[in-house]
Amino acid sequence: MLRRYLPSVVDYTDASDTTIYVVDNGSTDDSIDMLRRDFPTVNLILFDHNYGFAEGYNRALKQIETEYVILLNSDVDVTPHWLTPLIAYMDVHPEVAACQPKLLSYLNPEQFEYAGAAGGFLDRYGYPFCRGRLMGTVETDSGQYDTIIPVFWASGAALCIRRQDYIEVGGLDKLFFAHMEEIDLCWRLRARGRLVVCIPQSTVYHLGAATLKRDTPHKTFLNFRNNLLMLYKNLPAGELRGVMFRRYWLDYLAALQFLLKGQPGNAFAVWRARKAYRQLRSLYAVVRADNLRKQLSVQIAERTGYSILVKYYLQGVRYFSKL
């Protein structure tokens, strides 16, 4: 990943005002030797073991003093002047805490990339979707989403954020380890009155699923567990019981669907995720109380009042523009 994608970051990032870091989460291959030999201008932050996506970034950002930070996956190919629209917009919009570029697929460049596309939203029951991707349907990019708009969440694959905002809301949740952590972070930002936007004038290409392949049991486990924890941490008091009741049945319906598709490992992962959520929930009681106390807005426009499952599976809506 580093050999393939890091050259574009080095080539298309202005070294006069931007510093590139590679954060190494205790790798056991020859990545560090390769970086020192082939990318001598890149700075290294080395950890002794794998802290995960979330805590790895938290620890790294404590060592960096800068106004803006761009969290960038190791499987992202950037384009010329990719940073210019992001920073220019943030400079004149102090109310915006974070933004993302347009994410297109590295393997199918004419299509949006699954995990981010042109900005993320959240439905009533915690299911994320994007401009350009609803459930499993990924759209072709024909410029239909080239406007700058507020979104609920920006993809962690290429997340530009003010370091001060990142620190003030507590950064990424280290217990999540990976998956859903950027949505949880953006929920805290939005609930406290800060904005998140997508700026499609910047484009990057994301391979996606380079670390954990889609539909693997471990990825299913992390997605379901972390999604439930995120809901518990952030849902307004009046919604918590009703949303969690419906999610109980929706999750086991998803497990049944995995079984019918011949994926017992994923079905069992859903059960394990719910069990892990119940075990961890008490640890988050104080966190939830703190989040609710700091909320400035209970209703966030980019979190919809409808179910994306109903829209997609029952009403046949396949494109964001038709919602």
Protein backbone atom coordinates (compact mmCIF):
# COMPACT_ATOMS: atom_id res chain seq x y z
CA MET A 1 0.00 0.00 0.00
CA LEU A 2 2.75 2.47 0.92
CA ARG A 3 4.79 1.81 -2.21
CA ARG A 4 1.71 2.19 -4.41
CA TYR A 5 -0.05 5.17 -2.86
CA LEU A 6 2.45 7.25 -0.88
CA PRO A 7 4.22 8.60 -4.01
CA SER A 8 1.09 10.55 -5.04
CA VAL A 9 0.87 12.10 -1.57
CA VAL A 10 4.52 13.18 -1.75
CA ASP A 11 4.25 14.43 -5.34
CA TYR A 12 0.98 16.35 -4.97
CA THR A 13 1.42 17.88 -1.51
CA ASP A 14 3.15 21.25 -1.15
CA ALA A 15 6.12 20.66 1.12
CA SER A 16 6.44 24.37 1.88
CA ASP A 17 3.41 24.41 4.16
CA THR A 18 2.51 20.75 4.75
CA THR A 19 4.30 17.97 6.61
CA ILE A 20 3.69 14.32 5.79
CA TYR A 21 3.78 11.72 8.55
CA VAL A 22 3.43 7.96 8.36
CA VAL A 23 2.17 6.52 11.63
CA ASP A 24 3.35 2.96 12.13
CA ASN A 25 1.18 0.83 14.41
CA GLY A 26 3.84 -1.69 15.36
CA SER A 27 4.25 -3.23 11.90
CA THR A 28 6.18 -6.48 11.69
CA ASP A 29 7.23 -6.35 8.03
CA ASP A 30 9.89 -4.16 6.37
CA SER A 31 7.72 -1.04 6.07
CA ILE A 32 9.97 1.15 8.23
CA ASP A 33 13.17 0.21 6.40
CA MET A 34 11.45 0.79 3.06
CA LEU A 35 10.15 4.21 4.15
CA ARG A 36 13.53 5.35 5.41
CA ARG A 37 15.18 4.20 2.20
CA ASP A 38 12.62 5.24 -0.43
CA PHE A 39 10.79 8.16 1.23
CA PRO A 40 13.41 10.10 3.21
CA THR A 41 11.30 13.30 3.26
CA VAL A 42 8.42 11.58 5.07
CA ASN A 43 8.35 11.83 8.87
CA LEU A 44 7.76 8.71 10.94
CA ILE A 45 5.80 8.25 14.17
CA LEU A 46 6.56 4.78 15.47
CA PHE A 47 4.49 2.81 17.99
CA ASP A 48 5.51 -0.40 19.68
CA HIS A 49 2.28 -2.25 18.89
CA ASN A 50 -1.01 -1.94 17.03
CA TYR A 51 -3.23 0.60 18.77
CA GLY A 52 -5.84 0.39 16.03
CA PHE A 53 -7.07 3.03 13.65
CA ALA A 54 -8.63 5.13 16.40
CA GLU A 55 -6.03 5.20 19.15
CA GLY A 56 -3.19 5.23 16.64
CA TYR A 57 -4.43 8.58 15.35
CA ASN A 58 -5.13 9.87 18.88
CA ARG A 59 -1.56 9.20 19.97
CA ALA A 60 -0.08 10.56 16.76
CA LEU A 61 -1.99 13.84 16.94
CA LYS A 62 -0.71 14.47 20.44
CA GLN A 63 2.76 14.69 18.88
CA ILE A 64 1.81 17.13 16.15
CA GLU A 65 1.15 20.87 16.52
CA THR A 66 -0.75 22.24 13.53
CA GLU A 67 -4.04 23.96 12.72
CA TYR A 68 -5.32 21.31 10.30
CA VAL A 69 -4.77 17.57 10.18
CA ILE A 70 -5.69 15.31 7.28
CA LEU A 71 -6.21 11.69 8.31
CA LEU A 72 -5.41 9.69 5.19
CA ASN A 73 -5.65 5.95 4.69
CA SER A 74 -2.65 4.14 3.25
CA ASP A 75 -4.71 3.04 0.23
CA VAL A 76 -5.66 6.51 -1.06
CA ASP A 77 -4.31 7.94 -4.32
CA VAL A 78 -4.48 11.74 -4.25
CA THR A 79 -4.57 14.15 -7.20
CA PRO A 80 -2.79 17.42 -8.05
CA HIS A 81 -3.80 20.33 -5.78
CA TRP A 82 -6.03 18.00 -3.73
CA LEU A 83 -5.49 19.97 -0.52
CA THR A 84 -6.13 23.46 -1.93
CA PRO A 85 -9.99 23.38 -1.99
CA LEU A 86 -10.17 21.77 1.44
CA ILE A 87 -7.93 24.26 3.24
CA ALA A 88 -9.27 27.26 1.31
CA TYR A 89 -12.83 26.45 2.39
CA MET A 90 -11.89 25.80 6.01
CA ASP A 91 -9.93 29.05 6.16
CA VAL A 92 -13.04 31.15 5.40
CA HIS A 93 -15.58 29.00 7.26
CA PRO A 94 -14.57 28.85 10.92
CA GLU A 95 -17.88 27.18 11.79
CA VAL A 96 -16.75 24.08 9.87
CA ALA A 97 -14.77 21.61 11.98
CA ALA A 98 -14.11 18.95 9.36
CA CYS A 99 -14.48 18.14 5.69
CA GLN A 100 -13.75 15.44 3.15
CA PRO A 101 -12.95 15.40 -0.58
CA LYS A 102 -14.97 13.46 -3.13
CA LEU A 103 -13.95 9.81 -2.86
CA LEU A 104 -13.91 7.82 -6.07
CA SER A 105 -13.03 4.16 -6.51
CA TYR A 106 -9.41 3.40 -7.32
CA LEU A 107 -10.45 0.21 -9.14
CA ASN A 108 -13.42 1.80 -10.95
CA PRO A 109 -12.49 5.49 -11.25
CA GLU A 110 -15.79 6.50 -12.82
CA GLN A 111 -17.67 5.32 -9.71
CA PHE A 112 -17.92 6.66 -6.19
CA GLU A 113 -16.10 4.77 -3.48
CA TYR A 114 -18.26 2.82 -1.07
CA ALA A 115 -16.91 4.20 2.23
CA GLY A 116 -17.41 7.94 1.87
CA ALA A 117 -18.41 8.82 -1.70
CA ALA A 118 -19.57 12.47 -1.71
CA GLY A 119 -20.34 12.79 2.00
CA GLY A 120 -22.06 10.69 4.65
CA PHE A 121 -25.48 10.75 6.31
CA LEU A 122 -27.13 8.66 9.04
CA ASP A 123 -30.66 7.32 9.20
CA ARG A 124 -32.94 7.16 12.23
CA TYR A 125 -31.67 3.75 13.33
CA GLY A 126 -27.96 4.34 12.90
CA TYR A 127 -27.40 3.04 9.36
CA PRO A 128 -24.89 5.18 7.42
CA PHE A 129 -25.25 6.02 3.74
CA CYS A 130 -23.65 8.48 1.34
CA ARG A 131 -24.27 10.83 -1.53
CA GLY A 132 -23.39 8.38 -4.27
CA ARG A 133 -23.89 5.15 -2.30
CA LEU A 134 -27.03 3.71 -0.75
CA MET A 135 -26.56 0.31 0.91
CA GLY A 136 -24.84 -1.82 -1.76
CA THR A 137 -25.64 0.43 -4.73
CA VAL A 138 -22.73 2.62 -5.80
CA GLU A 139 -23.41 5.35 -8.37
CA THR A 140 -21.34 6.48 -11.32
CA ASP A 141 -19.95 9.97 -10.83
CA SER A 142 -21.30 12.29 -13.51
CA GLY A 143 -20.95 15.49 -11.50
CA GLN A 144 -24.38 15.11 -9.90
CA TYR A 145 -22.97 15.67 -6.41
CA ASP A 146 -20.37 18.35 -7.10
CA THR A 147 -21.96 20.90 -4.75
CA ILE A 148 -20.50 21.65 -1.33
CA ILE A 149 -23.04 20.63 1.31
CA PRO A 150 -23.19 19.92 5.05
CA VAL A 151 -23.02 16.21 5.83
CA PHE A 152 -23.42 14.16 8.98
CA TRP A 153 -20.03 12.46 8.71
CA ALA A 154 -16.87 12.71 6.69
CA SER A 155 -15.00 9.57 5.75
CA GLY A 156 -12.01 8.65 7.86
CA ALA A 157 -10.26 7.55 4.66
CA ALA A 158 -9.52 11.22 3.90
CA LEU A 159 -10.67 13.40 6.79
CA CYS A 160 -9.53 17.02 7.08
CA ILE A 161 -10.19 18.34 10.57
CA ARG A 162 -9.14 21.21 12.80
CA ARG A 163 -6.84 19.72 15.40
CA GLN A 164 -8.40 21.87 18.13
CA ASP A 165 -11.87 20.47 17.37
CA TYR A 166 -10.47 16.94 17.29
CA ILE A 167 -8.92 17.35 20.73
CA GLU A 168 -11.88 19.20 22.29
CA VAL A 169 -14.42 16.44 21.49
CA GLY A 170 -12.06 13.69 22.63
CA GLY A 171 -10.76 12.39 19.32
CA LEU A 172 -11.60 8.94 18.01
CA ASP A 173 -12.98 6.37 20.47
CA LYS A 174 -10.07 4.01 21.16
CA LEU A 175 -12.34 1.15 22.24
CA PHE A 176 -13.84 1.09 18.76
CA PHE A 177 -10.37 0.07 17.45
CA ALA A 178 -11.60 0.44 13.85
CA HIS A 179 -14.85 1.10 11.94
CA MET A 180 -17.59 3.64 12.72
CA GLU A 181 -15.11 5.76 14.70
CA GLU A 182 -15.24 8.71 12.30
CA ILE A 183 -19.06 8.73 12.31
CA ASP A 184 -19.05 8.77 16.11
CA LEU A 185 -16.52 11.64 16.07
CA CYS A 186 -18.58 13.65 13.60
CA TRP A 187 -21.76 13.04 15.63
CA ARG A 188 -20.09 14.66 18.63
CA LEU A 189 -18.97 17.58 16.47
CA ARG A 190 -22.43 18.11 14.98
CA ALA A 191 -24.22 17.78 18.33
CA ARG A 192 -21.97 20.52 19.72
CA GLY A 193 -22.81 22.91 16.93
CA ARG A 194 -19.85 22.36 14.62
CA LEU A 195 -20.34 21.65 10.92
CA VAL A 196 -18.99 18.89 8.68
CA VAL A 197 -19.00 19.30 4.89
CA CYS A 198 -18.02 17.53 1.69
CA ILE A 199 -15.94 19.53 -0.81
CA PRO A 200 -16.13 17.68 -4.16
CA GLN A 201 -13.74 20.15 -5.82
CA SER A 202 -11.04 17.98 -4.24
CA THR A 203 -10.92 14.41 -5.53
CA VAL A 204 -9.05 11.35 -4.28
CA TYR A 205 -9.21 7.68 -5.23
CA HIS A 206 -9.68 5.07 -2.51
CA LEU A 207 -9.01 1.37 -2.91
CA GLY A 208 -11.10 0.47 0.15
CA ALA A 209 -11.18 -2.67 2.32
CA ALA A 210 -7.39 -2.94 2.09
CA THR A 211 -6.94 -3.80 5.79
CA LEU A 212 -10.12 -5.78 6.43
CA LYS A 213 -11.97 -7.25 3.46
CA ARG A 214 -15.69 -6.63 3.19
CA ASP A 215 -18.03 -9.26 4.62
CA THR A 216 -15.40 -10.86 6.84
CA PRO A 217 -16.72 -11.88 10.28
CA HIS A 218 -14.28 -9.64 12.16
CA LYS A 219 -15.31 -6.61 10.11
CA THR A 220 -18.98 -7.49 10.61
CA PHE A 221 -18.37 -7.77 14.35
CA LEU A 222 -16.66 -4.36 14.56
CA ASN A 223 -19.29 -2.62 12.45
CA PHE A 224 -22.27 -3.94 14.43
CA ARG A 225 -20.68 -3.57 17.89
CA ASN A 226 -19.36 -0.07 17.25
CA ASN A 227 -22.58 1.08 15.64
CA LEU A 228 -24.54 0.06 18.74
CA LEU A 229 -22.02 1.75 21.03
CA MET A 230 -22.19 4.89 18.91
CA LEU A 231 -25.97 4.98 19.21
CA TYR A 232 -25.83 4.50 22.96
CA LYS A 233 -23.24 7.25 23.35
CA ASN A 234 -25.04 9.87 21.27
CA LEU A 235 -28.78 9.26 20.94
CA PRO A 236 -31.01 11.86 22.64
CA ALA A 237 -32.74 10.54 25.76
CA GLY A 238 -36.15 10.48 24.14
CA GLU A 239 -35.00 8.22 21.30
CA LEU A 240 -32.72 5.70 22.98
CA ARG A 241 -35.24 3.06 24.05
CA GLY A 242 -37.26 3.08 20.81
CA VAL A 243 -34.25 3.00 18.50
CA MET A 244 -32.52 0.24 20.45
CA PHE A 245 -35.69 -1.87 20.54
CA ARG A 246 -35.97 -1.74 16.76
CA ARG A 247 -32.26 -2.35 16.29
CA TYR A 248 -32.56 -5.58 18.33
CA TRP A 249 -34.90 -7.02 15.73
CA LEU A 250 -33.11 -5.49 12.75
CA ASP A 251 -29.77 -6.93 13.86
CA TYR A 252 -31.12 -10.44 14.21
CA LEU A 253 -32.86 -10.05 10.85
CA ALA A 254 -29.43 -9.20 9.43
CA ALA A 255 -27.99 -12.32 11.11
CA LEU A 256 -30.74 -14.42 9.52
CA GLN A 257 -29.92 -12.89 6.13
CA PHE A 258 -26.27 -13.86 6.56
CA LEU A 259 -27.34 -17.43 7.32
CA LEU A 260 -29.54 -17.58 4.24
CA LYS A 261 -26.59 -16.34 2.16
CA GLY A 262 -24.42 -19.17 3.49
CA GLN A 263 -22.31 -16.94 5.76
CA PRO A 264 -22.63 -18.45 9.25
CA GLY A 265 -19.46 -16.69 10.41
CA ASN A 266 -21.01 -13.30 9.77
CA ALA A 267 -24.28 -14.37 11.39
CA PHE A 268 -22.39 -15.40 14.53
CA ALA A 269 -20.44 -12.11 14.38
CA VAL A 270 -23.71 -10.18 14.75
CA TRP A 271 -24.56 -12.19 17.87
CA ARG A 272 -21.06 -11.62 19.28
CA ALA A 273 -21.34 -7.92 18.53
CA ARG A 274 -24.57 -7.58 20.46
CA LYS A 275 -23.08 -9.51 23.37
CA ALA A 276 -19.99 -7.28 23.37
CA TYR A 277 -22.21 -4.19 23.26
CA ARG A 278 -24.08 -5.34 26.37
CA GLN A 279 -20.80 -5.99 28.16
CA LEU A 280 -19.34 -2.59 27.28
CA ARG A 281 -22.46 -0.48 27.72
CA SER A 282 -21.92 0.20 31.42
CA LEU A 283 -18.45 1.58 30.67
CA TYR A 284 -20.07 4.20 28.46
CA ALA A 285 -22.64 5.51 30.95
CA VAL A 286 -20.40 8.41 31.98
CA VAL A 287 -19.44 9.09 28.35
CA ARG A 288 -23.10 9.21 27.32
CA ALA A 289 -23.96 11.60 30.15
CA ASP A 290 -21.08 13.87 29.15
CA ASN A 291 -22.12 13.85 25.48
CA LEU A 292 -25.73 14.69 26.32
CA ARG A 293 -24.65 17.48 28.65
CA LYS A 294 -22.55 19.09 25.92
CA GLN A 295 -25.16 18.78 23.16
CA LEU A 296 -26.24 22.09 21.70
CA SER A 297 -28.52 20.48 19.14
CA VAL A 298 -30.69 17.39 19.69
CA GLN A 299 -31.98 17.33 16.12
CA ILE A 300 -29.26 17.21 13.49
CA ALA A 301 -30.51 17.85 9.96
CA GLU A 302 -28.18 15.33 8.33
CA ARG A 303 -29.51 12.51 10.52
CA THR A 304 -32.74 11.58 8.81
CA GLY A 305 -36.08 10.86 10.41
CA TYR A 306 -36.68 7.88 8.13
CA SER A 307 -35.20 4.40 7.80
CA ILE A 308 -32.83 3.95 4.87
CA LEU A 309 -33.70 0.23 4.97
CA VAL A 310 -37.35 1.02 4.25
CA LYS A 311 -36.41 3.47 1.51
CA TYR A 312 -34.02 1.04 -0.16
CA TYR A 313 -35.58 -2.39 0.30
CA LEU A 314 -39.31 -1.62 0.46
CA GLN A 315 -39.67 1.57 -1.59
CA GLY A 316 -37.00 0.77 -4.17
CA VAL A 317 -34.96 3.95 -3.78
CA ARG A 318 -31.46 3.25 -5.10
CA TYR A 319 -29.97 6.74 -5.56
CA PHE A 320 -29.34 9.52 -3.07
CA SER A 321 -30.90 12.10 -5.38
CA LYS A 322 -34.22 10.22 -5.16
CA LEU A 323 -34.48 10.34 -1.38
